[in-house]
Amino acid sequence: MKDLTEEEFKGMPLRGRGNSSQVYRNILNMQVGKISMVEKHEWKNKYPPTRLARQIEKRYGYKYETTTHAGGLGWVFRRVG
């Protein structure tokens, strides 16, 4: 077993109970002000990852600005709260 510092713990990509995708964990672990893009080739589900952001907003109370890339390359997320 390894002891962790507070910075190491905050920087770890943690996940909750059950199975969740890497995209879900990345959106969930975003810091306020961070901007990320999910490219189309990374996303294999039938619904867009913006739905994940809405689910996280409802469950955890976080706020995101979500947009689709104009060239069709993917989706952009910015955590605002």
C-alpha atoms as a PDB file:
ATOM      1  CA  MET A   1       0.000   0.000   0.000  1.00  0.00           C
ATOM      2  CA  LYS A   2       1.214   3.504  -0.820  1.00  0.00           C
ATOM      3  CA  ASP A   3       0.505   6.729   1.052  1.00  0.00           C
ATOM      4  CA  LEU A   4      -0.660   9.625  -1.113  1.00  0.00           C
ATOM      5  CA  THR A   5      -0.410  13.353  -0.717  1.00  0.00           C
ATOM      6  CA  GLU A   6      -3.452  15.587  -1.165  1.00  0.00           C
ATOM      7  CA  GLU A   7      -2.138  16.805  -4.573  1.00  0.00           C
ATOM      8  CA  GLU A   8      -1.654  13.241  -5.828  1.00  0.00           C
ATOM      9  CA  PHE A   9      -5.163  12.314  -4.743  1.00  0.00           C
ATOM     10  CA  LYS A  10      -6.736  15.341  -6.441  1.00  0.00           C
ATOM     11  CA  GLY A  11      -4.795  14.651  -9.656  1.00  0.00           C
ATOM     12  CA  MET A  12      -5.880  11.010  -9.971  1.00  0.00           C
ATOM     13  CA  PRO A  13      -8.533  10.069 -12.541  1.00  0.00           C
ATOM     14  CA  LEU A  14     -10.951   8.414 -10.117  1.00  0.00           C
ATOM     15  CA  ARG A  15     -14.199   6.681 -10.929  1.00  0.00           C
ATOM     16  CA  GLY A  16     -17.248   5.815  -8.905  1.00  0.00           C
ATOM     17  CA  ARG A  17     -18.988   2.517  -8.354  1.00  0.00           C
ATOM     18  CA  GLY A  18     -19.599   0.326 -11.350  1.00  0.00           C
ATOM     19  CA  ASN A  19     -18.132   0.652 -14.814  1.00  0.00           C
ATOM     20  CA  SER A  20     -17.730   4.018 -16.525  1.00  0.00           C
ATOM     21  CA  SER A  21     -16.034   5.099 -19.727  1.00  0.00           C
ATOM     22  CA  GLN A  22     -12.803   7.072 -19.928  1.00  0.00           C
ATOM     23  CA  VAL A  23     -14.737   9.995 -21.469  1.00  0.00           C
ATOM     24  CA  TYR A  24     -17.187  10.029 -18.528  1.00  0.00           C
ATOM     25  CA  ARG A  25     -14.338  10.032 -16.007  1.00  0.00           C
ATOM     26  CA  ASN A  26     -12.520  12.811 -17.873  1.00  0.00           C
ATOM     27  CA  ILE A  27     -15.634  15.017 -17.956  1.00  0.00           C
ATOM     28  CA  LEU A  28     -16.362  14.288 -14.307  1.00  0.00           C
ATOM     29  CA  ASN A  29     -12.796  15.063 -13.160  1.00  0.00           C
ATOM     30  CA  MET A  30     -12.442  18.355 -15.101  1.00  0.00           C
ATOM     31  CA  GLN A  31     -11.425  21.366 -13.039  1.00  0.00           C
ATOM     32  CA  VAL A  32     -13.363  24.646 -13.316  1.00  0.00           C
ATOM     33  CA  GLY A  33     -12.138  26.585 -16.361  1.00  0.00           C
ATOM     34  CA  LYS A  34     -10.683  23.544 -18.151  1.00  0.00           C
ATOM     35  CA  ILE A  35     -11.673  22.921 -21.771  1.00  0.00           C
ATOM     36  CA  SER A  36     -11.589  19.478 -23.397  1.00  0.00           C
ATOM     37  CA  MET A  37     -12.567  18.005 -26.751  1.00  0.00           C
ATOM     38  CA  VAL A  38     -13.897  14.521 -27.434  1.00  0.00           C
ATOM     39  CA  GLU A  39     -13.139  13.508 -31.011  1.00  0.00           C
ATOM     40  CA  LYS A  40     -15.613  11.452 -33.050  1.00  0.00           C
ATOM     41  CA  HIS A  41     -13.274   8.457 -33.340  1.00  0.00           C
ATOM     42  CA  GLU A  42     -13.105   8.263 -29.513  1.00  0.00           C
ATOM     43  CA  TRP A  43     -16.884   8.072 -29.131  1.00  0.00           C
ATOM     44  CA  LYS A  44     -18.701   4.867 -30.140  1.00  0.00           C
ATOM     45  CA  ASN A  45     -22.137   5.264 -28.509  1.00  0.00           C
ATOM     46  CA  LYS A  46     -25.332   6.173 -30.364  1.00  0.00           C
ATOM     47  CA  TYR A  47     -26.024   9.275 -28.248  1.00  0.00           C
ATOM     48  CA  PRO A  48     -23.592  12.224 -28.044  1.00  0.00           C
ATOM     49  CA  PRO A  49     -21.269  12.708 -25.045  1.00  0.00           C
ATOM     50  CA  THR A  50     -23.059  15.974 -24.283  1.00  0.00           C
ATOM     51  CA  ARG A  51     -25.685  13.730 -22.676  1.00  0.00           C
ATOM     52  CA  LEU A  52     -23.009  12.541 -20.228  1.00  0.00           C
ATOM     53  CA  ALA A  53     -22.323  16.136 -19.245  1.00  0.00           C
ATOM     54  CA  ARG A  54     -26.034  16.693 -18.563  1.00  0.00           C
ATOM     55  CA  GLN A  55     -26.177  13.548 -16.400  1.00  0.00           C
ATOM     56  CA  ILE A  56     -23.125  14.718 -14.418  1.00  0.00           C
ATOM     57  CA  GLU A  57     -24.719  18.163 -13.983  1.00  0.00           C
ATOM     58  CA  LYS A  58     -27.862  16.602 -12.517  1.00  0.00           C
ATOM     59  CA  ARG A  59     -26.052  14.131 -10.268  1.00  0.00           C
ATOM     60  CA  TYR A  60     -23.131  16.235  -8.993  1.00  0.00           C
ATOM     61  CA  GLY A  61     -24.293  19.826  -9.518  1.00  0.00           C
ATOM     62  CA  TYR A  62     -21.401  20.734 -11.851  1.00  0.00           C
ATOM     63  CA  LYS A  63     -21.978  23.128 -14.766  1.00  0.00           C
ATOM     64  CA  TYR A  64     -20.641  22.677 -18.314  1.00  0.00           C
ATOM     65  CA  GLU A  65     -20.795  24.567 -21.587  1.00  0.00           C
ATOM     66  CA  THR A  66     -21.095  21.982 -24.352  1.00  0.00           C
ATOM     67  CA  THR A  67     -20.770  22.635 -28.071  1.00  0.00           C
ATOM     68  CA  THR A  68     -20.257  20.651 -31.245  1.00  0.00           C
ATOM     69  CA  HIS A  69     -17.260  21.360 -33.461  1.00  0.00           C
ATOM     70  CA  ALA A  70     -18.410  23.115 -36.655  1.00  0.00           C
ATOM     71  CA  GLY A  71     -16.277  20.825 -38.828  1.00  0.00           C
ATOM     72  CA  GLY A  72     -17.843  17.712 -37.341  1.00  0.00           C
ATOM     73  CA  LEU A  73     -14.654  16.640 -35.579  1.00  0.00           C
ATOM     74  CA  GLY A  74     -16.265  16.119 -32.176  1.00  0.00           C
ATOM     75  CA  TRP A  75     -17.605  17.842 -29.066  1.00  0.00           C
ATOM     76  CA  VAL A  76     -16.093  20.543 -26.847  1.00  0.00           C
ATOM     77  CA  PHE A  77     -16.686  20.813 -23.088  1.00  0.00           C
ATOM     78  CA  ARG A  78     -15.846  23.623 -20.706  1.00  0.00           C
ATOM     79  CA  ARG A  79     -16.448  23.323 -16.989  1.00  0.00           C
ATOM     80  CA  VAL A  80     -17.873  26.596 -15.670  1.00  0.00           C
ATOM     81  CA  GLY A  81     -18.990  25.640 -12.191  1.00  0.00           C
END
